[in-house]
Amino acid sequence: MTVFIGENLRTLREEAGMTCRELAYEFDVHHATVSNWENGKLKVGDDRLEEYADFLE
């Protein structure tokens, strides 16, 4: 399930024309954190997941 969420985050980010660094800057996290979310290595916290989804819509 985590990888599926990460794949969706990557797709939404790319559709928004943003890099990992740009998205990381917007949410005050390290760009490696965004990459790890997208690759399923780290789980996005439920509290932030909705925030990211809203931002990328």
PDB file of N, CA and C in Angstrom:
ATOM      1  N   MET A   1       0.822  -1.193   0.000  1.00  0.00           N
ATOM      2  CA  MET A   1       0.000   0.000   0.000  1.00  0.00           C
ATOM      3  C   MET A   1       0.865   1.257   0.000  1.00  0.00           C
ATOM      4  N   THR A   2       1.971   1.274   0.733  1.00  0.00           N
ATOM      5  CA  THR A   2       2.837   2.441   0.811  1.00  0.00           C
ATOM      6  C   THR A   2       3.411   2.799  -0.550  1.00  0.00           C
ATOM      7  N   VAL A   3       3.834   1.790  -1.320  1.00  0.00           N
ATOM      8  CA  VAL A   3       4.384   2.053  -2.639  1.00  0.00           C
ATOM      9  C   VAL A   3       3.317   2.667  -3.534  1.00  0.00           C
ATOM     10  N   PHE A   4       2.097   2.170  -3.458  1.00  0.00           N
ATOM     11  CA  PHE A   4       0.997   2.701  -4.256  1.00  0.00           C
ATOM     12  C   PHE A   4       0.785   4.185  -3.956  1.00  0.00           C
ATOM     13  N   ILE A   5       0.794   4.559  -2.700  1.00  0.00           N
ATOM     14  CA  ILE A   5       0.641   5.966  -2.313  1.00  0.00           C
ATOM     15  C   ILE A   5       1.813   6.771  -2.861  1.00  0.00           C
ATOM     16  N   GLY A   6       3.003   6.244  -2.740  1.00  0.00           N
ATOM     17  CA  GLY A   6       4.193   6.929  -3.256  1.00  0.00           C
ATOM     18  C   GLY A   6       4.127   7.132  -4.754  1.00  0.00           C
ATOM     19  N   GLU A   7       3.671   6.123  -5.469  1.00  0.00           N
ATOM     20  CA  GLU A   7       3.541   6.245  -6.921  1.00  0.00           C
ATOM     21  C   GLU A   7       2.538   7.338  -7.268  1.00  0.00           C
ATOM     22  N   ASN A   8       1.457   7.411  -6.517  1.00  0.00           N
ATOM     23  CA  ASN A   8       0.467   8.459  -6.754  1.00  0.00           C
ATOM     24  C   ASN A   8       1.033   9.841  -6.454  1.00  0.00           C
ATOM     25  N   LEU A   9       1.795   9.955  -5.374  1.00  0.00           N
ATOM     26  CA  LEU A   9       2.424  11.233  -5.052  1.00  0.00           C
ATOM     27  C   LEU A   9       3.365  11.660  -6.172  1.00  0.00           C
ATOM     28  N   ARG A  10       4.157  10.731  -6.675  1.00  0.00           N
ATOM     29  CA  ARG A  10       5.086  11.047  -7.767  1.00  0.00           C
ATOM     30  C   ARG A  10       4.317  11.508  -9.009  1.00  0.00           C
ATOM     31  N   THR A  11       3.269  10.782  -9.344  1.00  0.00           N
ATOM     32  CA  THR A  11       2.473  11.139 -10.520  1.00  0.00           C
ATOM     33  C   THR A  11       1.887  12.538 -10.367  1.00  0.00           C
ATOM     34  N   LEU A  12       1.289  12.822  -9.215  1.00  0.00           N
ATOM     35  CA  LEU A  12       0.708  14.146  -8.977  1.00  0.00           C
ATOM     36  C   LEU A  12       1.775  15.234  -9.018  1.00  0.00           C
ATOM     37  N   ARG A  13       2.920  14.974  -8.430  1.00  0.00           N
ATOM     38  CA  ARG A  13       4.013  15.958  -8.431  1.00  0.00           C
ATOM     39  C   ARG A  13       4.476  16.237  -9.853  1.00  0.00           C
ATOM     40  N   GLU A  14       4.668  15.177 -10.631  1.00  0.00           N
ATOM     41  CA  GLU A  14       5.129  15.341 -12.009  1.00  0.00           C
ATOM     42  C   GLU A  14       4.082  16.059 -12.855  1.00  0.00           C
ATOM     43  N   GLU A  15       2.803  15.733 -12.645  1.00  0.00           N
ATOM     44  CA  GLU A  15       1.737  16.420 -13.379  1.00  0.00           C
ATOM     45  C   GLU A  15       1.684  17.902 -13.034  1.00  0.00           C
ATOM     46  N   ALA A  16       2.079  18.233 -11.812  1.00  0.00           N
ATOM     47  CA  ALA A  16       2.134  19.638 -11.388  1.00  0.00           C
ATOM     48  C   ALA A  16       3.395  20.324 -11.903  1.00  0.00           C
ATOM     49  N   GLY A  17       4.281  19.558 -12.549  1.00  0.00           N
ATOM     50  CA  GLY A  17       5.512  20.122 -13.097  1.00  0.00           C
ATOM     51  C   GLY A  17       6.538  20.487 -12.044  1.00  0.00           C
ATOM     52  N   MET A  18       6.519  19.768 -10.915  1.00  0.00           N
ATOM     53  CA  MET A  18       7.430  20.069  -9.812  1.00  0.00           C
ATOM     54  C   MET A  18       8.503  18.999  -9.674  1.00  0.00           C
ATOM     55  N   THR A  19       9.655  19.410  -9.182  1.00  0.00           N
ATOM     56  CA  THR A  19      10.715  18.473  -8.842  1.00  0.00           C
ATOM     57  C   THR A  19      10.551  18.072  -7.379  1.00  0.00           C
ATOM     58  N   CYS A  20      11.294  17.050  -6.973  1.00  0.00           N
ATOM     59  CA  CYS A  20      11.297  16.644  -5.554  1.00  0.00           C
ATOM     60  C   CYS A  20      11.741  17.812  -4.682  1.00  0.00           C
ATOM     61  N   ARG A  21      12.757  18.526  -5.136  1.00  0.00           N
ATOM     62  CA  ARG A  21      13.275  19.659  -4.361  1.00  0.00           C
ATOM     63  C   ARG A  21      12.227  20.752  -4.197  1.00  0.00           C
ATOM     64  N   GLU A  22      11.491  21.046  -5.256  1.00  0.00           N
ATOM     65  CA  GLU A  22      10.463  22.083  -5.182  1.00  0.00           C
ATOM     66  C   GLU A  22       9.352  21.692  -4.216  1.00  0.00           C
ATOM     67  N   LEU A  23       8.910  20.443  -4.293  1.00  0.00           N
ATOM     68  CA  LEU A  23       7.867  19.984  -3.381  1.00  0.00           C
ATOM     69  C   LEU A  23       8.383  19.977  -1.941  1.00  0.00           C
ATOM     70  N   ALA A  24       9.611  19.540  -1.766  1.00  0.00           N
ATOM     71  CA  ALA A  24      10.205  19.530  -0.430  1.00  0.00           C
ATOM     72  C   ALA A  24      10.262  20.937   0.150  1.00  0.00           C
ATOM     73  N   TYR A  25      10.628  21.893  -0.669  1.00  0.00           N
ATOM     74  CA  TYR A  25      10.690  23.284  -0.218  1.00  0.00           C
ATOM     75  C   TYR A  25       9.317  23.769   0.244  1.00  0.00           C
ATOM     76  N   GLU A  26       8.279  23.448  -0.514  1.00  0.00           N
ATOM     77  CA  GLU A  26       6.918  23.883  -0.181  1.00  0.00           C
ATOM     78  C   GLU A  26       6.459  23.357   1.175  1.00  0.00           C
ATOM     79  N   PHE A  27       6.943  22.156   1.544  1.00  0.00           N
ATOM     80  CA  PHE A  27       6.477  21.533   2.778  1.00  0.00           C
ATOM     81  C   PHE A  27       7.548  21.437   3.854  1.00  0.00           C
ATOM     82  N   ASP A  28       8.654  22.156   3.615  1.00  0.00           N
ATOM     83  CA  ASP A  28       9.719  22.256   4.618  1.00  0.00           C
ATOM     84  C   ASP A  28      10.239  20.896   5.068  1.00  0.00           C
ATOM     85  N   VAL A  29      10.510  20.039   4.076  1.00  0.00           N
ATOM     86  CA  VAL A  29      11.155  18.752   4.336  1.00  0.00           C
ATOM     87  C   VAL A  29      12.340  18.625   3.385  1.00  0.00           C
ATOM     88  N   HIS A  30      13.229  17.698   3.652  1.00  0.00           N
ATOM     89  CA  HIS A  30      14.375  17.451   2.791  1.00  0.00           C
ATOM     90  C   HIS A  30      13.911  16.759   1.514  1.00  0.00           C
ATOM     91  N   HIS A  31      14.559  17.070   0.400  1.00  0.00           N
ATOM     92  CA  HIS A  31      14.157  16.451  -0.874  1.00  0.00           C
ATOM     93  C   HIS A  31      14.286  14.938  -0.843  1.00  0.00           C
ATOM     94  N   ALA A  32      15.216  14.413  -0.044  1.00  0.00           N
ATOM     95  CA  ALA A  32      15.352  12.959   0.075  1.00  0.00           C
ATOM     96  C   ALA A  32      14.117  12.353   0.745  1.00  0.00           C
ATOM     97  N   THR A  33      13.471  13.104   1.616  1.00  0.00           N
ATOM     98  CA  THR A  33      12.247  12.633   2.257  1.00  0.00           C
ATOM     99  C   THR A  33      11.163  12.438   1.218  1.00  0.00           C
ATOM    100  N   VAL A  34      11.009  13.402   0.318  1.00  0.00           N
ATOM    101  CA  VAL A  34      10.011  13.279  -0.752  1.00  0.00           C
ATOM    102  C   VAL A  34      10.332  12.060  -1.610  1.00  0.00           C
ATOM    103  N   SER A  35      11.582  11.887  -1.957  1.00  0.00           N
ATOM    104  CA  SER A  35      11.994  10.729  -2.756  1.00  0.00           C
ATOM    105  C   SER A  35      11.688   9.427  -2.038  1.00  0.00           C
ATOM    106  N   ASN A  36      11.957   9.379  -0.746  1.00  0.00           N
ATOM    107  CA  ASN A  36      11.688   8.169   0.030  1.00  0.00           C
ATOM    108  C   ASN A  36      10.193   7.882   0.131  1.00  0.00           C
ATOM    109  N   TRP A  37       9.368   8.913   0.217  1.00  0.00           N
ATOM    110  CA  TRP A  37       7.918   8.709   0.196  1.00  0.00           C
ATOM    111  C   TRP A  37       7.510   8.090  -1.125  1.00  0.00           C
ATOM    112  N   GLU A  38       8.019   8.661  -2.205  1.00  0.00           N
ATOM    113  CA  GLU A  38       7.633   8.203  -3.537  1.00  0.00           C
ATOM    114  C   GLU A  38       8.103   6.783  -3.820  1.00  0.00           C
ATOM    115  N   ASN A  39       9.216   6.391  -3.225  1.00  0.00           N
ATOM    116  CA  ASN A  39       9.746   5.044  -3.427  1.00  0.00           C
ATOM    117  C   ASN A  39       9.241   4.042  -2.397  1.00  0.00           C
ATOM    118  N   GLY A  40       8.391   4.487  -1.488  1.00  0.00           N
ATOM    119  CA  GLY A  40       7.825   3.595  -0.488  1.00  0.00           C
ATOM    120  C   GLY A  40       8.763   3.246   0.646  1.00  0.00           C
ATOM    121  N   LYS A  41       9.856   3.988   0.783  1.00  0.00           N
ATOM    122  CA  LYS A  41      10.811   3.718   1.863  1.00  0.00           C
ATOM    123  C   LYS A  41      10.394   4.371   3.172  1.00  0.00           C
ATOM    124  N   LEU A  42       9.604   5.441   3.064  1.00  0.00           N
ATOM    125  CA  LEU A  42       9.058   6.114   4.240  1.00  0.00           C
ATOM    126  C   LEU A  42       7.565   6.284   4.041  1.00  0.00           C
ATOM    127  N   LYS A  43       6.829   6.190   5.120  1.00  0.00           N
ATOM    128  CA  LYS A  43       5.380   6.386   5.062  1.00  0.00           C
ATOM    129  C   LYS A  43       5.075   7.863   5.297  1.00  0.00           C
ATOM    130  N   VAL A  44       4.200   8.395   4.472  1.00  0.00           N
ATOM    131  CA  VAL A  44       3.729   9.762   4.671  1.00  0.00           C
ATOM    132  C   VAL A  44       2.752   9.736   5.829  1.00  0.00           C
ATOM    133  N   GLY A  45       2.936  10.621   6.776  1.00  0.00           N
ATOM    134  CA  GLY A  45       2.024  10.686   7.904  1.00  0.00           C
ATOM    135  C   GLY A  45       0.616  11.021   7.450  1.00  0.00           C
ATOM    136  N   ASP A  46      -0.351  10.390   8.067  1.00  0.00           N
ATOM    137  CA  ASP A  46      -1.750  10.616   7.698  1.00  0.00           C
ATOM    138  C   ASP A  46      -2.132  12.090   7.794  1.00  0.00           C
ATOM    139  N   ASP A  47      -1.557  12.793   8.771  1.00  0.00           N
ATOM    140  CA  ASP A  47      -1.876  14.198   8.952  1.00  0.00           C
ATOM    141  C   ASP A  47      -1.378  15.050   7.788  1.00  0.00           C
ATOM    142  N   ARG A  48      -0.312  14.619   7.137  1.00  0.00           N
ATOM    143  CA  ARG A  48       0.253  15.401   6.033  1.00  0.00           C
ATOM    144  C   ARG A  48      -0.240  14.918   4.674  1.00  0.00           C
ATOM    145  N   LEU A  49      -0.678  13.693   4.588  1.00  0.00           N
ATOM    146  CA  LEU A  49      -1.068  13.126   3.299  1.00  0.00           C
ATOM    147  C   LEU A  49      -2.170  13.955   2.632  1.00  0.00           C
ATOM    148  N   GLU A  50      -3.187  14.307   3.382  1.00  0.00           N
ATOM    149  CA  GLU A  50      -4.283  15.099   2.826  1.00  0.00           C
ATOM    150  C   GLU A  50      -3.784  16.483   2.401  1.00  0.00           C
ATOM    151  N   GLU A  51      -2.893  17.042   3.194  1.00  0.00           N
ATOM    152  CA  GLU A  51      -2.322  18.360   2.871  1.00  0.00           C
ATOM    153  C   GLU A  51      -1.570  18.314   1.533  1.00  0.00           C
ATOM    154  N   TYR A  52      -0.785  17.273   1.325  1.00  0.00           N
ATOM    155  CA  TYR A  52      -0.039  17.130   0.070  1.00  0.00           C
ATOM    156  C   TYR A  52      -0.974  16.916  -1.109  1.00  0.00           C
ATOM    157  N   ALA A  53      -1.967  16.084  -0.899  1.00  0.00           N
ATOM    158  CA  ALA A  53      -2.927  15.798  -1.977  1.00  0.00           C
ATOM    159  C   ALA A  53      -3.666  17.077  -2.388  1.00  0.00           C
ATOM    160  N   ASP A  54      -4.088  17.863  -1.403  1.00  0.00           N
ATOM    161  CA  ASP A  54      -4.777  19.109  -1.700  1.00  0.00           C
ATOM    162  C   ASP A  54      -3.868  20.072  -2.452  1.00  0.00           C
ATOM    163  N   PHE A  55      -2.625  20.148  -2.037  1.00  0.00           N
ATOM    164  CA  PHE A  55      -1.672  21.050  -2.688  1.00  0.00           C
ATOM    165  C   PHE A  55      -1.429  20.652  -4.138  1.00  0.00           C
ATOM    166  N   LEU A  56      -1.343  19.355  -4.407  1.00  0.00           N
ATOM    167  CA  LEU A  56      -0.996  18.877  -5.741  1.00  0.00           C
ATOM    168  C   LEU A  56      -2.187  18.760  -6.681  1.00  0.00           C
ATOM    169  N   GLU A  57      -3.386  18.976  -6.189  1.00  0.00           N
ATOM    170  CA  GLU A  57      -4.566  18.892  -7.073  1.00  0.00           C
ATOM    171  C   GLU A  57      -4.655  20.078  -7.980  1.00  0.00           C
TER     172      GLU A  57
END
